[in-house]
Amino acid sequence: MYKIFLVEDDEAIAAAVVKHIASWGWEPRRAVDLTKVMEEFTAFSPHLVLLDIGLPYRNGYHWCAEIRKLSRIPIVFLSSASDNMNIVMAMNMGGDDFIAKPFDLEVLSAKIQALLRRTYDFGSAPPLLEARGAVLDTGDNTLRYEGQTLELTRNEYRMLQVLLEQKGRTVSRDTLMRKLWETDSFVDENTLTVNMARLRRKLEGIGLDGLIRTKKGLGYLIE
């Protein structure tokens, strides 16, 4: 099920959009606190964002720029400010489409469907890998958390990637070693242990104590 994140301060528009999105079998979620859009975005990990421009606190351009630091998922701007300058600005900031208010809900769903198909049917956008507000950047092998950026070695990045992809499930040591082997880095039991200990120390250094749990005799887990 595709997840659609809506950032909209107009109650009537938001209610109508959420209801229509759900009728298509997608999972909608509206941002609750417009001062904490990024926290809600990372916690929900959506496949597409619908973003108003004229928002309180920070406008839609600001949140688009913040999302683009973490993800290449489709962003559709919704705005009554549909002059050429705003449309050009929205596209330049990283938007994928612009829908002028007032809009027809069927047109909105058609555009959403087209973007989802174009983005995910061909696997062109990597998933957002997130846990406890920390986001793994699949583009530059870094982890971002509360304004901090953690540089990772290739092995550390790969271990964290596998654990985040399997979030909520225990990953065996054998599975991790096989995944690391695929990157042409030979890893034995001791090397895995050393790399895991180093990764945990780095995570603790930015406040992510206990992110990776050890399941004795089974492997590792990120909940």
N, C-alpha and C. Protein backbone atom coordinates (compact mmCIF):
# COMPACT_ATOMS: atom_id res chain seq x y z
N MET A 1 0.84 -1.19 0.00
CA MET A 1 0.00 0.00 0.00
C MET A 1 0.88 1.25 0.00
N TYR A 2 0.65 2.13 -0.94
CA TYR A 2 1.42 3.37 -1.00
C TYR A 2 0.95 4.33 0.09
N LYS A 3 1.91 5.02 0.69
CA LYS A 3 1.64 5.96 1.77
C LYS A 3 1.80 7.40 1.25
N ILE A 4 0.76 8.21 1.47
CA ILE A 4 0.74 9.58 0.98
C ILE A 4 0.73 10.54 2.17
N PHE A 5 1.70 11.44 2.22
CA PHE A 5 1.83 12.39 3.32
C PHE A 5 1.35 13.76 2.85
N LEU A 6 0.36 14.31 3.57
CA LEU A 6 -0.24 15.59 3.20
C LEU A 6 0.16 16.67 4.19
N VAL A 7 0.71 17.76 3.66
CA VAL A 7 1.06 18.92 4.49
C VAL A 7 0.17 20.08 4.02
N GLU A 8 -0.91 20.30 4.76
CA GLU A 8 -1.95 21.25 4.35
C GLU A 8 -2.61 21.83 5.61
N ASP A 9 -2.75 23.17 5.68
CA ASP A 9 -3.33 23.78 6.88
C ASP A 9 -4.82 24.09 6.75
N ASP A 10 -5.38 23.94 5.55
CA ASP A 10 -6.81 24.17 5.36
C ASP A 10 -7.58 22.91 5.74
N GLU A 11 -8.40 23.01 6.79
CA GLU A 11 -9.08 21.82 7.32
C GLU A 11 -10.00 21.16 6.30
N ALA A 12 -10.76 21.97 5.58
CA ALA A 12 -11.71 21.41 4.62
C ALA A 12 -11.00 20.70 3.47
N ILE A 13 -9.98 21.32 2.93
CA ILE A 13 -9.22 20.71 1.84
C ILE A 13 -8.54 19.44 2.32
N ALA A 14 -7.92 19.50 3.50
CA ALA A 14 -7.21 18.34 4.04
C ALA A 14 -8.15 17.15 4.23
N ALA A 15 -9.33 17.41 4.80
CA ALA A 15 -10.29 16.33 5.04
C ALA A 15 -10.74 15.69 3.74
N ALA A 16 -11.01 16.51 2.73
CA ALA A 16 -11.46 15.98 1.44
C ALA A 16 -10.37 15.17 0.76
N VAL A 17 -9.14 15.66 0.82
CA VAL A 17 -8.02 14.96 0.18
C VAL A 17 -7.75 13.64 0.88
N VAL A 18 -7.73 13.64 2.20
CA VAL A 18 -7.46 12.42 2.96
C VAL A 18 -8.53 11.36 2.65
N LYS A 19 -9.79 11.77 2.63
CA LYS A 19 -10.88 10.83 2.33
C LYS A 19 -10.74 10.26 0.92
N HIS A 20 -10.42 11.11 -0.03
CA HIS A 20 -10.31 10.66 -1.43
C HIS A 20 -9.12 9.72 -1.61
N ILE A 21 -8.00 10.04 -0.98
CA ILE A 21 -6.81 9.19 -1.08
C ILE A 21 -7.10 7.80 -0.51
N ALA A 22 -7.78 7.76 0.64
CA ALA A 22 -8.13 6.47 1.26
C ALA A 22 -9.05 5.66 0.36
N SER A 23 -9.94 6.34 -0.37
CA SER A 23 -10.88 5.63 -1.25
C SER A 23 -10.15 4.92 -2.40
N TRP A 24 -8.93 5.36 -2.70
CA TRP A 24 -8.13 4.74 -3.74
C TRP A 24 -7.30 3.56 -3.22
N GLY A 25 -7.40 3.30 -1.93
CA GLY A 25 -6.66 2.19 -1.36
C GLY A 25 -5.26 2.57 -0.91
N TRP A 26 -4.95 3.86 -0.96
CA TRP A 26 -3.67 4.33 -0.46
C TRP A 26 -3.81 4.69 1.02
N GLU A 27 -2.68 4.82 1.70
CA GLU A 27 -2.71 5.17 3.12
C GLU A 27 -2.34 6.65 3.30
N PRO A 28 -3.32 7.50 3.63
CA PRO A 28 -3.01 8.92 3.81
C PRO A 28 -2.63 9.25 5.25
N ARG A 29 -1.81 10.26 5.41
CA ARG A 29 -1.56 10.82 6.74
C ARG A 29 -1.31 12.31 6.58
N ARG A 30 -2.03 13.09 7.37
CA ARG A 30 -1.86 14.54 7.34
C ARG A 30 -0.89 14.97 8.45
N ALA A 31 -0.01 15.91 8.15
CA ALA A 31 0.88 16.44 9.16
C ALA A 31 0.06 17.10 10.27
N VAL A 32 0.35 16.72 11.49
CA VAL A 32 -0.41 17.23 12.63
C VAL A 32 0.19 18.53 13.16
N ASP A 33 1.49 18.53 13.35
CA ASP A 33 2.19 19.70 13.89
C ASP A 33 3.04 20.30 12.78
N LEU A 34 2.65 21.46 12.30
CA LEU A 34 3.33 22.07 11.16
C LEU A 34 4.66 22.70 11.54
N THR A 35 5.06 22.60 12.79
CA THR A 35 6.42 22.99 13.19
C THR A 35 7.35 21.78 13.18
N LYS A 36 6.77 20.58 13.02
CA LYS A 36 7.56 19.35 13.09
C LYS A 36 7.29 18.46 11.89
N VAL A 37 7.24 19.08 10.73
CA VAL A 37 6.92 18.33 9.51
C VAL A 37 7.94 17.23 9.24
N MET A 38 9.23 17.52 9.42
CA MET A 38 10.25 16.52 9.11
C MET A 38 10.21 15.32 10.06
N GLU A 39 9.92 15.58 11.33
CA GLU A 39 9.80 14.46 12.27
C GLU A 39 8.66 13.54 11.87
N GLU A 40 7.54 14.13 11.47
CA GLU A 40 6.39 13.31 11.05
C GLU A 40 6.66 12.63 9.71
N PHE A 41 7.37 13.32 8.83
CA PHE A 41 7.73 12.74 7.53
C PHE A 41 8.59 11.49 7.70
N THR A 42 9.64 11.59 8.51
CA THR A 42 10.54 10.44 8.68
C THR A 42 9.85 9.30 9.42
N ALA A 43 8.99 9.62 10.37
CA ALA A 43 8.29 8.57 11.11
C ALA A 43 7.32 7.81 10.21
N PHE A 44 6.69 8.51 9.27
CA PHE A 44 5.70 7.88 8.37
C PHE A 44 6.35 7.19 7.19
N SER A 45 7.49 7.72 6.72
CA SER A 45 8.23 7.19 5.57
C SER A 45 7.31 7.00 4.36
N PRO A 46 6.76 8.10 3.83
CA PRO A 46 5.78 7.99 2.75
C PRO A 46 6.42 7.71 1.38
N HIS A 47 5.55 7.38 0.42
CA HIS A 47 5.99 7.18 -0.96
C HIS A 47 5.80 8.45 -1.79
N LEU A 48 4.97 9.38 -1.31
CA LEU A 48 4.70 10.61 -2.05
C LEU A 48 4.22 11.67 -1.06
N VAL A 49 4.55 12.94 -1.34
CA VAL A 49 4.15 14.05 -0.48
C VAL A 49 3.30 15.04 -1.26
N LEU A 50 2.19 15.47 -0.66
CA LEU A 50 1.37 16.56 -1.17
C LEU A 50 1.64 17.75 -0.27
N LEU A 51 2.09 18.86 -0.84
CA LEU A 51 2.65 19.94 -0.04
C LEU A 51 2.07 21.29 -0.45
N ASP A 52 1.38 21.93 0.51
CA ASP A 52 0.90 23.29 0.27
C ASP A 52 2.07 24.26 0.35
N ILE A 53 1.97 25.39 -0.33
CA ILE A 53 3.03 26.40 -0.26
C ILE A 53 2.80 27.36 0.90
N GLY A 54 1.58 27.89 1.00
CA GLY A 54 1.30 28.89 2.03
C GLY A 54 0.96 28.28 3.36
N LEU A 55 1.99 27.90 4.10
CA LEU A 55 1.82 27.28 5.41
C LEU A 55 2.27 28.22 6.52
N PRO A 56 1.72 28.08 7.73
CA PRO A 56 2.23 28.86 8.85
C PRO A 56 3.61 28.35 9.28
N TYR A 57 4.36 29.16 9.97
CA TYR A 57 5.69 28.85 10.50
C TYR A 57 6.74 28.80 9.38
N ARG A 58 6.67 27.79 8.52
CA ARG A 58 7.58 27.64 7.39
C ARG A 58 6.78 27.31 6.15
N ASN A 59 7.13 27.91 5.02
CA ASN A 59 6.34 27.64 3.82
C ASN A 59 6.73 26.31 3.17
N GLY A 60 5.96 25.95 2.15
CA GLY A 60 6.17 24.67 1.50
C GLY A 60 7.53 24.53 0.84
N TYR A 61 8.10 25.64 0.37
CA TYR A 61 9.42 25.59 -0.24
C TYR A 61 10.47 25.13 0.76
N HIS A 62 10.34 25.62 1.99
CA HIS A 62 11.29 25.22 3.04
C HIS A 62 11.22 23.71 3.27
N TRP A 63 10.00 23.19 3.42
CA TRP A 63 9.87 21.76 3.72
C TRP A 63 10.28 20.90 2.53
N CYS A 64 10.05 21.39 1.32
CA CYS A 64 10.50 20.66 0.14
C CYS A 64 12.03 20.54 0.15
N ALA A 65 12.71 21.63 0.47
CA ALA A 65 14.18 21.60 0.52
C ALA A 65 14.67 20.64 1.59
N GLU A 66 13.98 20.61 2.72
CA GLU A 66 14.38 19.70 3.81
C GLU A 66 14.17 18.24 3.40
N ILE A 67 13.05 17.96 2.76
CA ILE A 67 12.79 16.59 2.30
C ILE A 67 13.82 16.15 1.27
N ARG A 68 14.19 17.07 0.38
CA ARG A 68 15.14 16.74 -0.67
C ARG A 68 16.55 16.45 -0.12
N LYS A 69 16.84 16.86 1.10
CA LYS A 69 18.11 16.50 1.72
C LYS A 69 18.15 15.01 2.07
N LEU A 70 16.96 14.40 2.19
CA LEU A 70 16.87 13.01 2.65
C LEU A 70 16.34 12.05 1.60
N SER A 71 15.56 12.53 0.67
CA SER A 71 14.83 11.61 -0.19
C SER A 71 14.52 12.21 -1.55
N ARG A 72 14.36 11.32 -2.53
CA ARG A 72 13.98 11.73 -3.88
C ARG A 72 12.55 11.32 -4.21
N ILE A 73 11.73 11.07 -3.19
CA ILE A 73 10.35 10.67 -3.44
C ILE A 73 9.58 11.80 -4.12
N PRO A 74 8.51 11.49 -4.84
CA PRO A 74 7.74 12.53 -5.54
C PRO A 74 7.11 13.53 -4.57
N ILE A 75 7.18 14.81 -4.94
CA ILE A 75 6.55 15.89 -4.17
C ILE A 75 5.64 16.66 -5.12
N VAL A 76 4.37 16.76 -4.74
CA VAL A 76 3.39 17.51 -5.53
C VAL A 76 2.98 18.74 -4.73
N PHE A 77 3.19 19.91 -5.30
CA PHE A 77 2.77 21.15 -4.66
C PHE A 77 1.29 21.40 -4.93
N LEU A 78 0.57 21.85 -3.88
CA LEU A 78 -0.83 22.25 -4.00
C LEU A 78 -0.90 23.71 -3.57
N SER A 79 -1.39 24.59 -4.42
CA SER A 79 -1.41 26.00 -4.04
C SER A 79 -2.36 26.82 -4.89
N SER A 80 -2.96 27.83 -4.26
CA SER A 80 -3.78 28.78 -5.00
C SER A 80 -2.90 29.85 -5.65
N ALA A 81 -1.64 29.91 -5.21
CA ALA A 81 -0.68 30.84 -5.81
C ALA A 81 -0.08 30.18 -7.05
N SER A 82 -0.87 30.16 -8.12
CA SER A 82 -0.50 29.38 -9.30
C SER A 82 0.07 30.23 -10.43
N ASP A 83 0.64 31.38 -10.10
CA ASP A 83 1.28 32.19 -11.12
C ASP A 83 2.57 31.52 -11.58
N ASN A 84 3.08 31.95 -12.70
CA ASN A 84 4.26 31.31 -13.28
C ASN A 84 5.46 31.31 -12.34
N MET A 85 5.64 32.39 -11.57
CA MET A 85 6.78 32.48 -10.68
C MET A 85 6.76 31.38 -9.63
N ASN A 86 5.58 31.14 -9.04
CA ASN A 86 5.48 30.10 -8.02
C ASN A 86 5.63 28.71 -8.61
N ILE A 87 5.10 28.49 -9.80
CA ILE A 87 5.24 27.19 -10.44
C ILE A 87 6.71 26.90 -10.75
N VAL A 88 7.40 27.88 -11.30
CA VAL A 88 8.83 27.72 -11.60
C VAL A 88 9.62 27.49 -10.32
N MET A 89 9.31 28.27 -9.27
CA MET A 89 9.99 28.11 -7.99
C MET A 89 9.78 26.71 -7.42
N ALA A 90 8.54 26.21 -7.50
CA ALA A 90 8.23 24.88 -6.98
C ALA A 90 9.03 23.80 -7.71
N MET A 91 9.14 23.90 -9.01
CA MET A 91 9.89 22.92 -9.77
C MET A 91 11.40 23.02 -9.47
N ASN A 92 11.88 24.24 -9.35
CA ASN A 92 13.30 24.44 -9.08
C ASN A 92 13.70 23.96 -7.68
N MET A 93 12.75 23.99 -6.75
CA MET A 93 13.04 23.55 -5.38
C MET A 93 13.01 22.03 -5.25
N GLY A 94 12.60 21.34 -6.32
CA GLY A 94 12.59 19.88 -6.27
C GLY A 94 11.23 19.25 -6.39
N GLY A 95 10.19 20.07 -6.67
CA GLY A 95 8.86 19.52 -6.85
C GLY A 95 8.75 18.73 -8.15
N ASP A 96 7.82 17.77 -8.17
CA ASP A 96 7.61 16.94 -9.37
C ASP A 96 6.37 17.35 -10.14
N ASP A 97 5.45 18.04 -9.46
CA ASP A 97 4.24 18.50 -10.14
C ASP A 97 3.65 19.64 -9.32
N PHE A 98 2.75 20.38 -9.95
CA PHE A 98 2.10 21.53 -9.31
C PHE A 98 0.62 21.49 -9.68
N ILE A 99 -0.25 21.50 -8.66
CA ILE A 99 -1.69 21.49 -8.90
C ILE A 99 -2.29 22.74 -8.28
N ALA A 100 -2.95 23.54 -9.11
CA ALA A 100 -3.53 24.80 -8.65
C ALA A 100 -4.85 24.55 -7.91
N LYS A 101 -5.03 25.27 -6.80
CA LYS A 101 -6.31 25.25 -6.08
C LYS A 101 -7.23 26.30 -6.69
N PRO A 102 -8.54 26.01 -6.74
CA PRO A 102 -9.18 24.75 -6.36
C PRO A 102 -8.96 23.68 -7.43
N PHE A 103 -8.90 22.42 -7.02
CA PHE A 103 -8.62 21.36 -7.98
C PHE A 103 -9.67 20.26 -7.87
N ASP A 104 -9.79 19.49 -8.92
CA ASP A 104 -10.69 18.35 -8.97
C ASP A 104 -9.99 17.15 -8.33
N LEU A 105 -10.65 16.47 -7.42
CA LEU A 105 -10.03 15.35 -6.72
C LEU A 105 -9.65 14.21 -7.66
N GLU A 106 -10.41 14.02 -8.73
CA GLU A 106 -10.09 12.97 -9.69
C GLU A 106 -8.80 13.30 -10.45
N VAL A 107 -8.61 14.58 -10.73
CA VAL A 107 -7.36 15.01 -11.37
C VAL A 107 -6.20 14.77 -10.41
N LEU A 108 -6.40 15.11 -9.14
CA LEU A 108 -5.35 14.88 -8.13
C LEU A 108 -4.96 13.41 -8.06
N SER A 109 -5.95 12.52 -7.98
CA SER A 109 -5.64 11.10 -7.87
C SER A 109 -4.98 10.56 -9.14
N ALA A 110 -5.37 11.09 -10.29
CA ALA A 110 -4.75 10.65 -11.54
C ALA A 110 -3.27 11.04 -11.57
N LYS A 111 -2.97 12.26 -11.10
CA LYS A 111 -1.58 12.70 -11.07
C LYS A 111 -0.77 11.89 -10.05
N ILE A 112 -1.37 11.61 -8.90
CA ILE A 112 -0.70 10.78 -7.89
C ILE A 112 -0.40 9.40 -8.46
N GLN A 113 -1.39 8.81 -9.08
CA GLN A 113 -1.22 7.47 -9.65
C GLN A 113 -0.11 7.44 -10.70
N ALA A 114 -0.07 8.46 -11.55
CA ALA A 114 0.95 8.52 -12.59
C ALA A 114 2.35 8.65 -11.98
N LEU A 115 2.49 9.48 -10.96
CA LEU A 115 3.79 9.67 -10.32
C LEU A 115 4.25 8.41 -9.58
N LEU A 116 3.32 7.75 -8.90
CA LEU A 116 3.67 6.52 -8.19
C LEU A 116 4.11 5.45 -9.18
N ARG A 117 3.38 5.33 -10.28
CA ARG A 117 3.72 4.33 -11.29
C ARG A 117 5.08 4.62 -11.90
N ARG A 118 5.31 5.88 -12.26
CA ARG A 118 6.56 6.26 -12.90
C ARG A 118 7.75 6.11 -11.94
N THR A 119 7.52 6.38 -10.66
CA THR A 119 8.61 6.34 -9.69
C THR A 119 8.94 4.93 -9.24
N TYR A 120 7.91 4.15 -8.92
CA TYR A 120 8.17 2.87 -8.25
C TYR A 120 8.10 1.66 -9.16
N ASP A 121 7.36 1.72 -10.25
CA ASP A 121 7.32 0.57 -11.15
C ASP A 121 8.68 0.27 -11.74
N PHE A 122 9.51 1.30 -11.88
CA PHE A 122 10.83 1.11 -12.46
C PHE A 122 11.94 1.21 -11.42
N GLY A 123 11.55 1.29 -10.15
CA GLY A 123 12.52 1.28 -9.07
C GLY A 123 13.49 2.44 -9.10
N SER A 124 13.03 3.61 -9.53
CA SER A 124 13.96 4.72 -9.69
C SER A 124 14.23 5.49 -8.40
N ALA A 125 13.42 5.28 -7.37
CA ALA A 125 13.63 6.01 -6.13
C ALA A 125 13.91 5.05 -4.98
N PRO A 126 15.01 5.22 -4.27
CA PRO A 126 15.30 4.33 -3.16
C PRO A 126 14.36 4.60 -2.00
N PRO A 127 14.08 3.60 -1.17
CA PRO A 127 13.21 3.83 -0.03
C PRO A 127 13.90 4.71 1.00
N LEU A 128 13.08 5.33 1.83
CA LEU A 128 13.62 6.11 2.94
C LEU A 128 13.86 5.15 4.08
N LEU A 129 15.10 5.00 4.51
CA LEU A 129 15.46 4.09 5.57
C LEU A 129 15.61 4.89 6.85
N GLU A 130 14.69 4.66 7.81
CA GLU A 130 14.61 5.51 9.00
C GLU A 130 14.32 4.68 10.24
N ALA A 131 14.84 5.13 11.37
CA ALA A 131 14.50 4.57 12.67
C ALA A 131 14.79 5.60 13.74
N ARG A 132 13.83 5.78 14.64
CA ARG A 132 13.97 6.73 15.76
C ARG A 132 14.34 8.15 15.30
N GLY A 133 13.87 8.53 14.13
CA GLY A 133 14.15 9.87 13.63
C GLY A 133 15.47 9.99 12.89
N ALA A 134 16.28 8.92 12.89
CA ALA A 134 17.53 8.91 12.14
C ALA A 134 17.26 8.41 10.73
N VAL A 135 17.84 9.07 9.73
CA VAL A 135 17.59 8.71 8.33
C VAL A 135 18.91 8.38 7.65
N LEU A 136 18.95 7.19 7.02
CA LEU A 136 20.13 6.78 6.28
C LEU A 136 20.04 7.33 4.86
N ASP A 137 21.02 8.12 4.48
CA ASP A 137 21.06 8.70 3.14
C ASP A 137 21.68 7.69 2.19
N THR A 138 20.85 7.14 1.28
CA THR A 138 21.34 6.12 0.36
C THR A 138 22.16 6.71 -0.77
N GLY A 139 22.27 8.02 -0.79
CA GLY A 139 23.05 8.66 -1.85
C GLY A 139 24.51 8.88 -1.49
N ASP A 140 24.77 9.22 -0.21
CA ASP A 140 26.16 9.53 0.15
C ASP A 140 26.69 8.79 1.37
N ASN A 141 26.03 7.68 1.74
CA ASN A 141 26.51 6.82 2.83
C ASN A 141 26.67 7.58 4.15
N THR A 142 25.67 8.38 4.49
CA THR A 142 25.69 9.08 5.77
C THR A 142 24.38 8.82 6.50
N LEU A 143 24.43 9.03 7.81
CA LEU A 143 23.24 8.94 8.64
C LEU A 143 22.99 10.31 9.23
N ARG A 144 21.75 10.80 9.13
CA ARG A 144 21.42 12.13 9.64
C ARG A 144 20.46 11.98 10.82
N TYR A 145 20.78 12.71 11.88
CA TYR A 145 19.96 12.63 13.09
C TYR A 145 20.02 13.94 13.86
N GLU A 146 18.87 14.59 14.03
CA GLU A 146 18.75 15.82 14.79
C GLU A 146 19.82 16.85 14.41
N GLY A 147 19.96 17.08 13.12
CA GLY A 147 20.90 18.08 12.63
C GLY A 147 22.34 17.62 12.55
N GLN A 148 22.62 16.38 12.95
CA GLN A 148 23.97 15.84 12.89
C GLN A 148 24.11 14.90 11.70
N THR A 149 25.29 14.86 11.12
CA THR A 149 25.57 13.96 10.01
C THR A 149 26.70 13.03 10.40
N LEU A 150 26.43 11.73 10.33
CA LEU A 150 27.41 10.73 10.72
C LEU A 150 27.99 10.07 9.47
N GLU A 151 29.31 10.22 9.29
CA GLU A 151 29.98 9.58 8.16
C GLU A 151 30.20 8.10 8.47
N LEU A 152 29.89 7.24 7.50
CA LEU A 152 29.99 5.80 7.70
C LEU A 152 30.98 5.18 6.72
N THR A 153 31.71 4.16 7.19
CA THR A 153 32.53 3.39 6.26
C THR A 153 31.60 2.53 5.41
N ARG A 154 32.15 1.93 4.36
CA ARG A 154 31.32 1.10 3.48
C ARG A 154 30.68 -0.05 4.25
N ASN A 155 31.44 -0.72 5.12
CA ASN A 155 30.88 -1.83 5.89
C ASN A 155 29.83 -1.36 6.89
N GLU A 156 30.10 -0.24 7.55
CA GLU A 156 29.14 0.29 8.52
C GLU A 156 27.83 0.67 7.83
N TYR A 157 27.96 1.33 6.68
CA TYR A 157 26.78 1.71 5.92
C TYR A 157 25.98 0.48 5.50
N ARG A 158 26.67 -0.52 4.99
CA ARG A 158 25.98 -1.72 4.50
C ARG A 158 25.27 -2.45 5.64
N MET A 159 25.92 -2.56 6.79
CA MET A 159 25.28 -3.22 7.93
C MET A 159 24.02 -2.47 8.34
N LEU A 160 24.12 -1.16 8.43
CA LEU A 160 22.98 -0.35 8.85
C LEU A 160 21.87 -0.41 7.81
N GLN A 161 22.25 -0.42 6.54
CA GLN A 161 21.26 -0.52 5.47
C GLN A 161 20.46 -1.81 5.58
N VAL A 162 21.15 -2.92 5.76
CA VAL A 162 20.47 -4.22 5.85
C VAL A 162 19.55 -4.25 7.07
N LEU A 163 20.02 -3.75 8.20
CA LEU A 163 19.21 -3.78 9.42
C LEU A 163 17.98 -2.87 9.29
N LEU A 164 18.14 -1.72 8.64
CA LEU A 164 17.00 -0.82 8.45
C LEU A 164 16.01 -1.38 7.44
N GLU A 165 16.52 -2.04 6.41
CA GLU A 165 15.62 -2.66 5.43
C GLU A 165 14.79 -3.76 6.07
N GLN A 166 15.34 -4.38 7.11
CA GLN A 166 14.64 -5.46 7.82
C GLN A 166 14.15 -4.98 9.19
N LYS A 167 13.88 -3.69 9.32
CA LYS A 167 13.50 -3.11 10.61
C LYS A 167 12.35 -3.88 11.23
N GLY A 168 12.52 -4.23 12.51
CA GLY A 168 11.51 -5.00 13.21
C GLY A 168 11.74 -6.49 13.14
N ARG A 169 12.73 -6.92 12.33
CA ARG A 169 13.05 -8.34 12.21
C ARG A 169 14.51 -8.58 12.57
N THR A 170 14.80 -9.72 13.15
CA THR A 170 16.17 -10.07 13.51
C THR A 170 16.94 -10.53 12.28
N VAL A 171 18.12 -9.97 12.10
CA VAL A 171 18.99 -10.34 10.98
C VAL A 171 20.15 -11.15 11.54
N SER A 172 20.35 -12.34 10.99
CA SER A 172 21.40 -13.21 11.51
C SER A 172 22.78 -12.69 11.13
N ARG A 173 23.79 -13.12 11.89
CA ARG A 173 25.17 -12.73 11.58
C ARG A 173 25.57 -13.27 10.21
N ASP A 174 25.13 -14.49 9.89
CA ASP A 174 25.45 -15.07 8.58
C ASP A 174 24.89 -14.20 7.44
N THR A 175 23.68 -13.71 7.61
CA THR A 175 23.07 -12.86 6.59
C THR A 175 23.87 -11.58 6.42
N LEU A 176 24.26 -10.95 7.52
CA LEU A 176 25.06 -9.73 7.44
C LEU A 176 26.39 -9.98 6.74
N MET A 177 27.03 -11.10 7.07
CA MET A 177 28.32 -11.40 6.44
C MET A 177 28.17 -11.65 4.95
N ARG A 178 27.09 -12.30 4.56
CA ARG A 178 26.84 -12.53 3.12
C ARG A 178 26.61 -11.20 2.41
N LYS A 179 25.85 -10.30 3.03
CA LYS A 179 25.58 -9.00 2.43
C LYS A 179 26.87 -8.18 2.28
N LEU A 180 27.74 -8.25 3.27
CA LEU A 180 29.00 -7.53 3.19
C LEU A 180 29.92 -8.15 2.14
N TRP A 181 29.85 -9.46 2.00
CA TRP A 181 30.65 -10.15 1.00
C TRP A 181 30.28 -9.68 -0.40
N GLU A 182 28.98 -9.34 -0.61
CA GLU A 182 28.52 -8.88 -1.91
C GLU A 182 29.17 -7.56 -2.31
N THR A 183 29.69 -6.83 -1.34
CA THR A 183 30.35 -5.55 -1.64
C THR A 183 31.85 -5.74 -1.86
N ASP A 184 32.30 -6.99 -2.02
CA ASP A 184 33.71 -7.32 -2.25
C ASP A 184 34.59 -7.08 -1.02
N SER A 185 33.98 -6.99 0.15
CA SER A 185 34.75 -6.87 1.39
C SER A 185 34.65 -8.19 2.13
N PHE A 186 35.77 -8.89 2.22
CA PHE A 186 35.73 -10.17 2.94
C PHE A 186 35.50 -9.90 4.42
N VAL A 187 34.51 -10.55 4.98
CA VAL A 187 34.17 -10.34 6.38
C VAL A 187 34.01 -11.69 7.07
N ASP A 188 34.80 -11.93 8.13
CA ASP A 188 34.63 -13.13 8.93
C ASP A 188 33.93 -12.75 10.23
N GLU A 189 33.75 -13.71 11.13
CA GLU A 189 33.02 -13.48 12.38
C GLU A 189 33.64 -12.35 13.19
N ASN A 190 34.97 -12.35 13.32
CA ASN A 190 35.64 -11.36 14.14
C ASN A 190 35.54 -9.97 13.51
N THR A 191 35.69 -9.90 12.18
CA THR A 191 35.59 -8.62 11.49
C THR A 191 34.20 -8.03 11.66
N LEU A 192 33.17 -8.87 11.58
CA LEU A 192 31.81 -8.40 11.77
C LEU A 192 31.63 -7.82 13.17
N THR A 193 32.15 -8.54 14.18
CA THR A 193 32.03 -8.08 15.56
C THR A 193 32.70 -6.72 15.76
N VAL A 194 33.90 -6.58 15.19
CA VAL A 194 34.64 -5.32 15.32
C VAL A 194 33.89 -4.18 14.63
N ASN A 195 33.40 -4.43 13.42
CA ASN A 195 32.66 -3.41 12.68
C ASN A 195 31.38 -3.01 13.41
N MET A 196 30.69 -3.99 13.98
CA MET A 196 29.45 -3.71 14.69
C MET A 196 29.72 -2.87 15.95
N ALA A 197 30.79 -3.20 16.65
CA ALA A 197 31.13 -2.44 17.86
C ALA A 197 31.48 -1.00 17.50
N ARG A 198 32.20 -0.81 16.40
CA ARG A 198 32.58 0.54 15.96
C ARG A 198 31.34 1.33 15.55
N LEU A 199 30.43 0.68 14.83
CA LEU A 199 29.21 1.34 14.40
C LEU A 199 28.38 1.76 15.61
N ARG A 200 28.28 0.89 16.60
CA ARG A 200 27.49 1.23 17.78
C ARG A 200 28.09 2.42 18.54
N ARG A 201 29.41 2.48 18.61
CA ARG A 201 30.05 3.61 19.28
C ARG A 201 29.74 4.92 18.54
N LYS A 202 29.76 4.87 17.21
CA LYS A 202 29.43 6.05 16.42
C LYS A 202 27.98 6.48 16.66
N LEU A 203 27.08 5.51 16.70
CA LEU A 203 25.67 5.82 16.92
C LEU A 203 25.46 6.42 18.31
N GLU A 204 26.13 5.87 19.31
CA GLU A 204 26.03 6.41 20.66
C GLU A 204 26.54 7.84 20.72
N GLY A 205 27.56 8.15 19.89
CA GLY A 205 28.15 9.48 19.88
C GLY A 205 27.21 10.57 19.43
N ILE A 206 26.15 10.21 18.69
CA ILE A 206 25.18 11.22 18.25
C ILE A 206 23.83 11.03 18.95
N GLY A 207 23.83 10.22 20.02
CA GLY A 207 22.61 10.08 20.83
C GLY A 207 21.71 8.93 20.46
N LEU A 208 22.21 7.97 19.66
CA LEU A 208 21.39 6.83 19.25
C LEU A 208 21.80 5.56 20.00
N ASP A 209 21.90 5.68 21.31
CA ASP A 209 22.24 4.53 22.15
C ASP A 209 21.19 3.43 21.99
N GLY A 210 21.64 2.20 21.86
CA GLY A 210 20.72 1.08 21.82
C GLY A 210 19.91 0.95 20.55
N LEU A 211 20.28 1.68 19.50
CA LEU A 211 19.53 1.57 18.24
C LEU A 211 19.59 0.14 17.70
N ILE A 212 20.80 -0.45 17.75
CA ILE A 212 20.98 -1.82 17.28
C ILE A 212 21.00 -2.74 18.49
N ARG A 213 20.07 -3.65 18.56
CA ARG A 213 20.00 -4.60 19.68
C ARG A 213 20.59 -5.95 19.25
N THR A 214 21.22 -6.63 20.20
CA THR A 214 21.72 -7.99 19.96
C THR A 214 20.69 -8.99 20.46
N LYS A 215 20.30 -9.91 19.59
CA LYS A 215 19.43 -11.02 19.99
C LYS A 215 20.33 -12.24 20.15
N LYS A 216 20.61 -12.59 21.36
CA LYS A 216 21.60 -13.62 21.66
C LYS A 216 21.31 -14.91 20.91
N GLY A 217 22.32 -15.37 20.19
CA GLY A 217 22.21 -16.60 19.44
C GLY A 217 21.44 -16.48 18.14
N LEU A 218 20.92 -15.29 17.85
CA LEU A 218 20.10 -15.10 16.65
C LEU A 218 20.70 -14.06 15.70
N GLY A 219 21.11 -12.90 16.22
CA GLY A 219 21.66 -11.88 15.36
C GLY A 219 21.41 -10.49 15.91
N TYR A 220 21.05 -9.56 15.03
CA TYR A 220 20.88 -8.16 15.41
C TYR A 220 19.52 -7.64 14.95
N LEU A 221 19.07 -6.59 15.64
CA LEU A 221 17.71 -6.10 15.39
C LEU A 221 17.66 -4.59 15.60
N ILE A 222 16.98 -3.89 14.67
CA ILE A 222 16.56 -2.51 14.88
C ILE A 222 15.05 -2.51 14.96
N GLU A 223 14.52 -2.04 16.07
CA GLU A 223 13.06 -2.09 16.25
C GLU A 223 12.40 -0.84 15.69
